[in-house]
Amino acid sequence: MYKELFSPGTIYFTAGVHNEIMCNPAFTEFVQNSLSRHIRGDWGDLCEEDKEENKLSLREGLRLLSAYKNDRHKIWIITEADRSTTTILFPDEY
């Protein structure tokens, strides 16, 4: 089992993600699994350059970004530099 690399702080969802969570149990599970991966340092569907940027961001205390997709959805998870908040959103809500 992998250990958590950081605390995500308070978790926020955009309206679109919240609405999908409320009506789609499979999406809820996808979001939960993605958040778990994010805080363990599995950055999901990012290019290698962005994954390396996240490694630097962990060391330097900068913002972290992950991207995950399943057969129907793509989400981004962004943790702020001070680790006080993490937001889960659809890319078109950025």
PDB file of N, CA and C in Angstrom:
ATOM      1  N   MET A   1       0.847  -1.187   0.000  1.00  0.00           N
ATOM      2  CA  MET A   1       0.000   0.000   0.000  1.00  0.00           C
ATOM      3  C   MET A   1       0.888   1.245   0.000  1.00  0.00           C
ATOM      4  N   TYR A   2       0.516   2.221  -0.786  1.00  0.00           N
ATOM      5  CA  TYR A   2       1.274   3.455  -0.900  1.00  0.00           C
ATOM      6  C   TYR A   2       0.862   4.433   0.186  1.00  0.00           C
ATOM      7  N   LYS A   3       1.822   5.208   0.647  1.00  0.00           N
ATOM      8  CA  LYS A   3       1.501   6.184   1.685  1.00  0.00           C
ATOM      9  C   LYS A   3       1.132   7.521   1.050  1.00  0.00           C
ATOM     10  N   GLU A   4       0.353   8.288   1.776  1.00  0.00           N
ATOM     11  CA  GLU A   4      -0.031   9.619   1.322  1.00  0.00           C
ATOM     12  C   GLU A   4       1.189  10.528   1.399  1.00  0.00           C
ATOM     13  N   LEU A   5       1.389  11.324   0.356  1.00  0.00           N
ATOM     14  CA  LEU A   5       2.541  12.221   0.284  1.00  0.00           C
ATOM     15  C   LEU A   5       2.251  13.596   0.868  1.00  0.00           C
ATOM     16  N   PHE A   6       0.972  13.937   0.974  1.00  0.00           N
ATOM     17  CA  PHE A   6       0.579  15.245   1.495  1.00  0.00           C
ATOM     18  C   PHE A   6      -0.873  15.188   1.919  1.00  0.00           C
ATOM     19  N   SER A   7      -1.264  16.142   2.726  1.00  0.00           N
ATOM     20  CA  SER A   7      -2.668  16.281   3.101  1.00  0.00           C
ATOM     21  C   SER A   7      -3.351  17.171   2.067  1.00  0.00           C
ATOM     22  N   PRO A   8      -4.518  16.771   1.585  1.00  0.00           N
ATOM     23  CA  PRO A   8      -5.190  17.580   0.573  1.00  0.00           C
ATOM     24  C   PRO A   8      -5.929  18.789   1.135  1.00  0.00           C
ATOM     25  N   GLY A   9      -5.976  18.937   2.438  1.00  0.00           N
ATOM     26  CA  GLY A   9      -6.731  20.037   3.027  1.00  0.00           C
ATOM     27  C   GLY A   9      -8.227  19.821   2.831  1.00  0.00           C
ATOM     28  N   THR A  10      -8.957  20.906   2.736  1.00  0.00           N
ATOM     29  CA  THR A  10     -10.402  20.845   2.512  1.00  0.00           C
ATOM     30  C   THR A  10     -10.662  20.499   1.052  1.00  0.00           C
ATOM     31  N   ILE A  11     -11.561  19.556   0.826  1.00  0.00           N
ATOM     32  CA  ILE A  11     -11.892  19.109  -0.532  1.00  0.00           C
ATOM     33  C   ILE A  11     -13.109  19.876  -1.036  1.00  0.00           C
ATOM     34  N   TYR A  12     -12.974  20.432  -2.235  1.00  0.00           N
ATOM     35  CA  TYR A  12     -14.077  21.139  -2.884  1.00  0.00           C
ATOM     36  C   TYR A  12     -14.368  20.482  -4.232  1.00  0.00           C
ATOM     37  N   PHE A  13     -15.635  20.555  -4.634  1.00  0.00           N
ATOM     38  CA  PHE A  13     -16.071  20.088  -5.935  1.00  0.00           C
ATOM     39  C   PHE A  13     -16.709  21.261  -6.663  1.00  0.00           C
ATOM     40  N   THR A  14     -16.483  21.348  -7.951  1.00  0.00           N
ATOM     41  CA  THR A  14     -17.222  22.330  -8.739  1.00  0.00           C
ATOM     42  C   THR A  14     -18.666  21.861  -8.867  1.00  0.00           C
ATOM     43  N   ALA A  15     -19.518  22.748  -9.339  1.00  0.00           N
ATOM     44  CA  ALA A  15     -20.943  22.411  -9.482  1.00  0.00           C
ATOM     45  C   ALA A  15     -21.142  21.219 -10.411  1.00  0.00           C
ATOM     46  N   GLY A  16     -20.413  21.184 -11.507  1.00  0.00           N
ATOM     47  CA  GLY A  16     -20.572  20.078 -12.455  1.00  0.00           C
ATOM     48  C   GLY A  16     -20.194  18.741 -11.855  1.00  0.00           C
ATOM     49  N   VAL A  17     -19.080  18.694 -11.147  1.00  0.00           N
ATOM     50  CA  VAL A  17     -18.656  17.449 -10.501  1.00  0.00           C
ATOM     51  C   VAL A  17     -19.641  17.069  -9.411  1.00  0.00           C
ATOM     52  N   HIS A  18     -20.065  18.039  -8.626  1.00  0.00           N
ATOM     53  CA  HIS A  18     -21.034  17.755  -7.560  1.00  0.00           C
ATOM     54  C   HIS A  18     -22.323  17.171  -8.129  1.00  0.00           C
ATOM     55  N   ASN A  19     -22.828  17.760  -9.172  1.00  0.00           N
ATOM     56  CA  ASN A  19     -24.073  17.262  -9.783  1.00  0.00           C
ATOM     57  C   ASN A  19     -23.915  15.829 -10.275  1.00  0.00           C
ATOM     58  N   GLU A  20     -22.775  15.527 -10.880  1.00  0.00           N
ATOM     59  CA  GLU A  20     -22.548  14.168 -11.385  1.00  0.00           C
ATOM     60  C   GLU A  20     -22.409  13.178 -10.236  1.00  0.00           C
ATOM     61  N   ILE A  21     -21.756  13.590  -9.155  1.00  0.00           N
ATOM     62  CA  ILE A  21     -21.633  12.732  -7.970  1.00  0.00           C
ATOM     63  C   ILE A  21     -23.011  12.394  -7.414  1.00  0.00           C
ATOM     64  N   MET A  22     -23.895  13.369  -7.380  1.00  0.00           N
ATOM     65  CA  MET A  22     -25.214  13.176  -6.782  1.00  0.00           C
ATOM     66  C   MET A  22     -26.082  12.168  -7.542  1.00  0.00           C
ATOM     67  N   CYS A  23     -25.806  11.974  -8.826  1.00  0.00           N
ATOM     68  CA  CYS A  23     -26.683  11.092  -9.598  1.00  0.00           C
ATOM     69  C   CYS A  23     -25.967   9.893 -10.217  1.00  0.00           C
ATOM     70  N   ASN A  24     -24.686   9.703  -9.927  1.00  0.00           N
ATOM     71  CA  ASN A  24     -23.949   8.641 -10.604  1.00  0.00           C
ATOM     72  C   ASN A  24     -22.982   7.965  -9.632  1.00  0.00           C
ATOM     73  N   PRO A  25     -23.393   6.855  -9.019  1.00  0.00           N
ATOM     74  CA  PRO A  25     -22.523   6.166  -8.057  1.00  0.00           C
ATOM     75  C   PRO A  25     -21.182   5.717  -8.649  1.00  0.00           C
ATOM     76  N   ALA A  26     -21.174   5.318  -9.903  1.00  0.00           N
ATOM     77  CA  ALA A  26     -19.914   4.898 -10.535  1.00  0.00           C
ATOM     78  C   ALA A  26     -18.952   6.082 -10.651  1.00  0.00           C
ATOM     79  N   PHE A  27     -19.487   7.258 -10.943  1.00  0.00           N
ATOM     80  CA  PHE A  27     -18.646   8.455 -11.013  1.00  0.00           C
ATOM     81  C   PHE A  27     -18.111   8.800  -9.627  1.00  0.00           C
ATOM     82  N   THR A  28     -18.937   8.641  -8.600  1.00  0.00           N
ATOM     83  CA  THR A  28     -18.498   8.900  -7.229  1.00  0.00           C
ATOM     84  C   THR A  28     -17.298   8.027  -6.881  1.00  0.00           C
ATOM     85  N   GLU A  29     -17.362   6.761  -7.238  1.00  0.00           N
ATOM     86  CA  GLU A  29     -16.246   5.841  -6.982  1.00  0.00           C
ATOM     87  C   GLU A  29     -15.005   6.255  -7.768  1.00  0.00           C
ATOM     88  N   PHE A  30     -15.193   6.670  -9.014  1.00  0.00           N
ATOM     89  CA  PHE A  30     -14.093   7.157  -9.841  1.00  0.00           C
ATOM     90  C   PHE A  30     -13.411   8.365  -9.184  1.00  0.00           C
ATOM     91  N   VAL A  31     -14.191   9.300  -8.678  1.00  0.00           N
ATOM     92  CA  VAL A  31     -13.644  10.485  -8.016  1.00  0.00           C
ATOM     93  C   VAL A  31     -12.885  10.086  -6.746  1.00  0.00           C
ATOM     94  N   GLN A  32     -13.460   9.214  -5.957  1.00  0.00           N
ATOM     95  CA  GLN A  32     -12.797   8.771  -4.723  1.00  0.00           C
ATOM     96  C   GLN A  32     -11.459   8.097  -5.030  1.00  0.00           C
ATOM     97  N   ASN A  33     -11.459   7.210  -6.006  1.00  0.00           N
ATOM     98  CA  ASN A  33     -10.218   6.530  -6.392  1.00  0.00           C
ATOM     99  C   ASN A  33      -9.188   7.510  -6.939  1.00  0.00           C
ATOM    100  N   SER A  34      -9.645   8.462  -7.726  1.00  0.00           N
ATOM    101  CA  SER A  34      -8.739   9.460  -8.292  1.00  0.00           C
ATOM    102  C   SER A  34      -8.122  10.325  -7.198  1.00  0.00           C
ATOM    103  N   LEU A  35      -8.915  10.748  -6.225  1.00  0.00           N
ATOM    104  CA  LEU A  35      -8.391  11.547  -5.128  1.00  0.00           C
ATOM    105  C   LEU A  35      -7.350  10.751  -4.332  1.00  0.00           C
ATOM    106  N   SER A  36      -7.627   9.496  -4.099  1.00  0.00           N
ATOM    107  CA  SER A  36      -6.678   8.637  -3.395  1.00  0.00           C
ATOM    108  C   SER A  36      -5.363   8.540  -4.173  1.00  0.00           C
ATOM    109  N   ARG A  37      -5.449   8.367  -5.466  1.00  0.00           N
ATOM    110  CA  ARG A  37      -4.242   8.320  -6.307  1.00  0.00           C
ATOM    111  C   ARG A  37      -3.486   9.641  -6.233  1.00  0.00           C
ATOM    112  N   HIS A  38      -4.209  10.743  -6.294  1.00  0.00           N
ATOM    113  CA  HIS A  38      -3.604  12.079  -6.263  1.00  0.00           C
ATOM    114  C   HIS A  38      -2.749  12.268  -5.017  1.00  0.00           C
ATOM    115  N   ILE A  39      -3.280  11.955  -3.858  1.00  0.00           N
ATOM    116  CA  ILE A  39      -2.537  12.220  -2.620  1.00  0.00           C
ATOM    117  C   ILE A  39      -1.420  11.198  -2.386  1.00  0.00           C
ATOM    118  N   ARG A  40      -1.388  10.123  -3.178  1.00  0.00           N
ATOM    119  CA  ARG A  40      -0.284   9.173  -3.130  1.00  0.00           C
ATOM    120  C   ARG A  40       0.776   9.477  -4.185  1.00  0.00           C
ATOM    121  N   GLY A  41       0.554  10.525  -4.982  1.00  0.00           N
ATOM    122  CA  GLY A  41       1.538  10.905  -5.984  1.00  0.00           C
ATOM    123  C   GLY A  41       1.415  10.181  -7.310  1.00  0.00           C
ATOM    124  N   ASP A  42       0.276   9.556  -7.551  1.00  0.00           N
ATOM    125  CA  ASP A  42      -0.016   8.965  -8.861  1.00  0.00           C
ATOM    126  C   ASP A  42      -0.794  10.030  -9.616  1.00  0.00           C
ATOM    127  N   TRP A  43      -0.124  10.723 -10.496  1.00  0.00           N
ATOM    128  CA  TRP A  43      -0.687  11.918 -11.132  1.00  0.00           C
ATOM    129  C   TRP A  43      -1.614  11.607 -12.296  1.00  0.00           C
ATOM    130  N   GLY A  44      -1.855  10.346 -12.568  1.00  0.00           N
ATOM    131  CA  GLY A  44      -2.852   9.976 -13.566  1.00  0.00           C
ATOM    132  C   GLY A  44      -2.395  10.192 -14.991  1.00  0.00           C
ATOM    133  N   ASP A  45      -3.253  10.804 -15.770  1.00  0.00           N
ATOM    134  CA  ASP A  45      -3.072  10.935 -17.214  1.00  0.00           C
ATOM    135  C   ASP A  45      -2.377  12.230 -17.603  1.00  0.00           C
ATOM    136  N   LEU A  46      -1.254  12.514 -16.953  1.00  0.00           N
ATOM    137  CA  LEU A  46      -0.435  13.669 -17.309  1.00  0.00           C
ATOM    138  C   LEU A  46       0.747  13.206 -18.153  1.00  0.00           C
ATOM    139  N   CYS A  47       1.283  14.109 -18.953  1.00  0.00           N
ATOM    140  CA  CYS A  47       2.500  13.799 -19.687  1.00  0.00           C
ATOM    141  C   CYS A  47       3.669  13.716 -18.695  1.00  0.00           C
ATOM    142  N   GLU A  48       4.767  13.130 -19.118  1.00  0.00           N
ATOM    143  CA  GLU A  48       5.922  12.957 -18.232  1.00  0.00           C
ATOM    144  C   GLU A  48       6.455  14.294 -17.724  1.00  0.00           C
ATOM    145  N   GLU A  49       6.442  15.309 -18.555  1.00  0.00           N
ATOM    146  CA  GLU A  49       6.923  16.633 -18.147  1.00  0.00           C
ATOM    147  C   GLU A  49       6.090  17.180 -16.980  1.00  0.00           C
ATOM    148  N   ASP A  50       4.765  17.037 -17.058  1.00  0.00           N
ATOM    149  CA  ASP A  50       3.894  17.517 -15.980  1.00  0.00           C
ATOM    150  C   ASP A  50       4.050  16.681 -14.712  1.00  0.00           C
ATOM    151  N   LYS A  51       4.300  15.386 -14.867  1.00  0.00           N
ATOM    152  CA  LYS A  51       4.554  14.537 -13.699  1.00  0.00           C
ATOM    153  C   LYS A  51       5.839  14.972 -12.998  1.00  0.00           C
ATOM    154  N   GLU A  52       6.858  15.290 -13.773  1.00  0.00           N
ATOM    155  CA  GLU A  52       8.111  15.782 -13.189  1.00  0.00           C
ATOM    156  C   GLU A  52       7.896  17.129 -12.498  1.00  0.00           C
ATOM    157  N   GLU A  53       7.063  17.959 -13.083  1.00  0.00           N
ATOM    158  CA  GLU A  53       6.736  19.252 -12.462  1.00  0.00           C
ATOM    159  C   GLU A  53       6.075  19.036 -11.103  1.00  0.00           C
ATOM    160  N   ASN A  54       5.197  18.040 -11.000  1.00  0.00           N
ATOM    161  CA  ASN A  54       4.562  17.733  -9.715  1.00  0.00           C
ATOM    162  C   ASN A  54       5.575  17.250  -8.690  1.00  0.00           C
ATOM    163  N   LYS A  55       6.585  16.483  -9.116  1.00  0.00           N
ATOM    164  CA  LYS A  55       7.630  16.048  -8.177  1.00  0.00           C
ATOM    165  C   LYS A  55       8.353  17.263  -7.610  1.00  0.00           C
ATOM    166  N   LEU A  56       8.674  18.213  -8.482  1.00  0.00           N
ATOM    167  CA  LEU A  56       9.302  19.461  -8.041  1.00  0.00           C
ATOM    168  C   LEU A  56       8.358  20.226  -7.115  1.00  0.00           C
ATOM    169  N   SER A  57       7.089  20.281  -7.483  1.00  0.00           N
ATOM    170  CA  SER A  57       6.102  21.009  -6.679  1.00  0.00           C
ATOM    171  C   SER A  57       5.951  20.419  -5.285  1.00  0.00           C
ATOM    172  N   LEU A  58       6.072  19.098  -5.164  1.00  0.00           N
ATOM    173  CA  LEU A  58       6.042  18.467  -3.841  1.00  0.00           C
ATOM    174  C   LEU A  58       7.214  18.947  -2.992  1.00  0.00           C
ATOM    175  N   ARG A  59       8.402  18.986  -3.577  1.00  0.00           N
ATOM    176  CA  ARG A  59       9.607  19.405  -2.845  1.00  0.00           C
ATOM    177  C   ARG A  59       9.589  20.887  -2.502  1.00  0.00           C
ATOM    178  N   GLU A  60       9.076  21.699  -3.422  1.00  0.00           N
ATOM    179  CA  GLU A  60       9.149  23.153  -3.285  1.00  0.00           C
ATOM    180  C   GLU A  60       7.891  23.785  -2.701  1.00  0.00           C
ATOM    181  N   GLY A  61       6.857  22.991  -2.445  1.00  0.00           N
ATOM    182  CA  GLY A  61       5.623  23.526  -1.886  1.00  0.00           C
ATOM    183  C   GLY A  61       4.816  24.333  -2.876  1.00  0.00           C
ATOM    184  N   LEU A  62       4.730  23.849  -4.119  1.00  0.00           N
ATOM    185  CA  LEU A  62       3.960  24.522  -5.161  1.00  0.00           C
ATOM    186  C   LEU A  62       2.661  23.759  -5.427  1.00  0.00           C
ATOM    187  N   ARG A  63       1.820  24.323  -6.276  1.00  0.00           N
ATOM    188  CA  ARG A  63       0.527  23.729  -6.601  1.00  0.00           C
ATOM    189  C   ARG A  63       0.703  22.399  -7.329  1.00  0.00           C
ATOM    190  N   LEU A  64      -0.200  21.461  -7.061  1.00  0.00           N
ATOM    191  CA  LEU A  64      -0.180  20.133  -7.672  1.00  0.00           C
ATOM    192  C   LEU A  64      -1.407  19.943  -8.553  1.00  0.00           C
ATOM    193  N   LEU A  65      -1.205  19.299  -9.690  1.00  0.00           N
ATOM    194  CA  LEU A  65      -2.291  19.025 -10.632  1.00  0.00           C
ATOM    195  C   LEU A  65      -2.237  17.572 -11.053  1.00  0.00           C
ATOM    196  N   SER A  66      -3.377  16.917 -11.033  1.00  0.00           N
ATOM    197  CA  SER A  66      -3.518  15.569 -11.580  1.00  0.00           C
ATOM    198  C   SER A  66      -4.688  15.559 -12.552  1.00  0.00           C
ATOM    199  N   ALA A  67      -4.657  14.601 -13.470  1.00  0.00           N
ATOM    200  CA  ALA A  67      -5.746  14.428 -14.431  1.00  0.00           C
ATOM    201  C   ALA A  67      -6.066  12.947 -14.519  1.00  0.00           C
ATOM    202  N   TYR A  68      -7.350  12.635 -14.502  1.00  0.00           N
ATOM    203  CA  TYR A  68      -7.792  11.247 -14.560  1.00  0.00           C
ATOM    204  C   TYR A  68      -8.962  11.146 -15.523  1.00  0.00           C
ATOM    205  N   LYS A  69      -9.031  10.036 -16.216  1.00  0.00           N
ATOM    206  CA  LYS A  69     -10.167   9.830 -17.113  1.00  0.00           C
ATOM    207  C   LYS A  69     -10.623   8.388 -17.031  1.00  0.00           C
ATOM    208  N   ASN A  70     -11.921   8.239 -17.237  1.00  0.00           N
ATOM    209  CA  ASN A  70     -12.507   6.917 -17.398  1.00  0.00           C
ATOM    210  C   ASN A  70     -13.193   6.906 -18.751  1.00  0.00           C
ATOM    211  N   ASP A  71     -14.076   5.988 -18.971  1.00  0.00           N
ATOM    212  CA  ASP A  71     -14.711   5.879 -20.287  1.00  0.00           C
ATOM    213  C   ASP A  71     -15.644   7.034 -20.627  1.00  0.00           C
ATOM    214  N   ARG A  72     -16.108   7.783 -19.630  1.00  0.00           N
ATOM    215  CA  ARG A  72     -17.067   8.868 -19.889  1.00  0.00           C
ATOM    216  C   ARG A  72     -16.621  10.239 -19.425  1.00  0.00           C
ATOM    217  N   HIS A  73     -15.672  10.317 -18.507  1.00  0.00           N
ATOM    218  CA  HIS A  73     -15.348  11.589 -17.875  1.00  0.00           C
ATOM    219  C   HIS A  73     -13.847  11.806 -17.772  1.00  0.00           C
ATOM    220  N   LYS A  74     -13.486  13.063 -17.722  1.00  0.00           N
ATOM    221  CA  LYS A  74     -12.126  13.462 -17.391  1.00  0.00           C
ATOM    222  C   LYS A  74     -12.238  14.498 -16.282  1.00  0.00           C
ATOM    223  N   ILE A  75     -11.434  14.311 -15.238  1.00  0.00           N
ATOM    224  CA  ILE A  75     -11.420  15.289 -14.147  1.00  0.00           C
ATOM    225  C   ILE A  75      -9.999  15.752 -13.896  1.00  0.00           C
ATOM    226  N   TRP A  76      -9.904  16.940 -13.352  1.00  0.00           N
ATOM    227  CA  TRP A  76      -8.649  17.465 -12.838  1.00  0.00           C
ATOM    228  C   TRP A  76      -8.779  17.563 -11.334  1.00  0.00           C
ATOM    229  N   ILE A  77      -7.678  17.343 -10.652  1.00  0.00           N
ATOM    230  CA  ILE A  77      -7.610  17.550  -9.211  1.00  0.00           C
ATOM    231  C   ILE A  77      -6.452  18.497  -8.961  1.00  0.00           C
ATOM    232  N   ILE A  78      -6.739  19.617  -8.310  1.00  0.00           N
ATOM    233  CA  ILE A  78      -5.738  20.656  -8.058  1.00  0.00           C
ATOM    234  C   ILE A  78      -5.632  20.892  -6.564  1.00  0.00           C
ATOM    235  N   THR A  79      -4.427  20.724  -6.033  1.00  0.00           N
ATOM    236  CA  THR A  79      -4.156  21.043  -4.637  1.00  0.00           C
ATOM    237  C   THR A  79      -3.316  22.308  -4.604  1.00  0.00           C
ATOM    238  N   GLU A  80      -3.769  23.273  -3.829  1.00  0.00           N
ATOM    239  CA  GLU A  80      -3.075  24.559  -3.756  1.00  0.00           C
ATOM    240  C   GLU A  80      -1.713  24.421  -3.073  1.00  0.00           C
ATOM    241  N   ALA A  81      -0.845  25.377  -3.329  1.00  0.00           N
ATOM    242  CA  ALA A  81       0.533  25.336  -2.849  1.00  0.00           C
ATOM    243  C   ALA A  81       0.628  25.184  -1.336  1.00  0.00           C
ATOM    244  N   ASP A  82      -0.255  25.837  -0.611  1.00  0.00           N
ATOM    245  CA  ASP A  82      -0.199  25.758   0.852  1.00  0.00           C
ATOM    246  C   ASP A  82      -0.896  24.510   1.390  1.00  0.00           C
ATOM    247  N   ARG A  83      -1.406  23.667   0.487  1.00  0.00           N
ATOM    248  CA  ARG A  83      -2.072  22.402   0.816  1.00  0.00           C
ATOM    249  C   ARG A  83      -3.330  22.582   1.665  1.00  0.00           C
ATOM    250  N   SER A  84      -3.883  23.782   1.639  1.00  0.00           N
ATOM    251  CA  SER A  84      -5.092  24.043   2.431  1.00  0.00           C
ATOM    252  C   SER A  84      -6.360  23.562   1.736  1.00  0.00           C
ATOM    253  N   THR A  85      -6.347  23.502   0.408  1.00  0.00           N
ATOM    254  CA  THR A  85      -7.535  23.092  -0.336  1.00  0.00           C
ATOM    255  C   THR A  85      -7.165  22.260  -1.556  1.00  0.00           C
ATOM    256  N   THR A  86      -8.085  21.385  -1.902  1.00  0.00           N
ATOM    257  CA  THR A  86      -7.998  20.604  -3.132  1.00  0.00           C
ATOM    258  C   THR A  86      -9.347  20.720  -3.814  1.00  0.00           C
ATOM    259  N   THR A  87      -9.310  21.008  -5.107  1.00  0.00           N
ATOM    260  CA  THR A  87     -10.540  21.155  -5.887  1.00  0.00           C
ATOM    261  C   THR A  87     -10.586  20.096  -6.958  1.00  0.00           C
ATOM    262  N   ILE A  88     -11.747  19.489  -7.112  1.00  0.00           N
ATOM    263  CA  ILE A  88     -11.980  18.488  -8.155  1.00  0.00           C
ATOM    264  C   ILE A  88     -12.949  19.102  -9.155  1.00  0.00           C
ATOM    265  N   LEU A  89     -12.554  19.095 -10.420  1.00  0.00           N
ATOM    266  CA  LEU A  89     -13.326  19.792 -11.444  1.00  0.00           C
ATOM    267  C   LEU A  89     -13.215  19.096 -12.787  1.00  0.00           C
ATOM    268  N   PHE A  90     -14.155  19.417 -13.660  1.00  0.00           N
ATOM    269  CA  PHE A  90     -14.045  19.046 -15.054  1.00  0.00           C
ATOM    270  C   PHE A  90     -13.159  20.085 -15.731  1.00  0.00           C
ATOM    271  N   PRO A  91     -12.323  19.681 -16.692  1.00  0.00           N
ATOM    272  CA  PRO A  91     -11.439  20.648 -17.342  1.00  0.00           C
ATOM    273  C   PRO A  91     -12.153  21.877 -17.903  1.00  0.00           C
ATOM    274  N   ASP A  92     -13.368  21.704 -18.408  1.00  0.00           N
ATOM    275  CA  ASP A  92     -14.077  22.860 -18.980  1.00  0.00           C
ATOM    276  C   ASP A  92     -14.630  23.808 -17.913  1.00  0.00           C
ATOM    277  N   GLU A  93     -14.459  23.457 -16.637  1.00  0.00           N
ATOM    278  CA  GLU A  93     -14.882  24.337 -15.550  1.00  0.00           C
ATOM    279  C   GLU A  93     -13.713  25.170 -15.007  1.00  0.00           C
ATOM    280  N   TYR A  94     -12.530  24.995 -15.561  1.00  0.00           N
ATOM    281  CA  TYR A  94     -11.346  25.722 -15.073  1.00  0.00           C
ATOM    282  C   TYR A  94     -11.413  27.182 -15.416  1.00  0.00           C
TER     283      TYR A  94
END
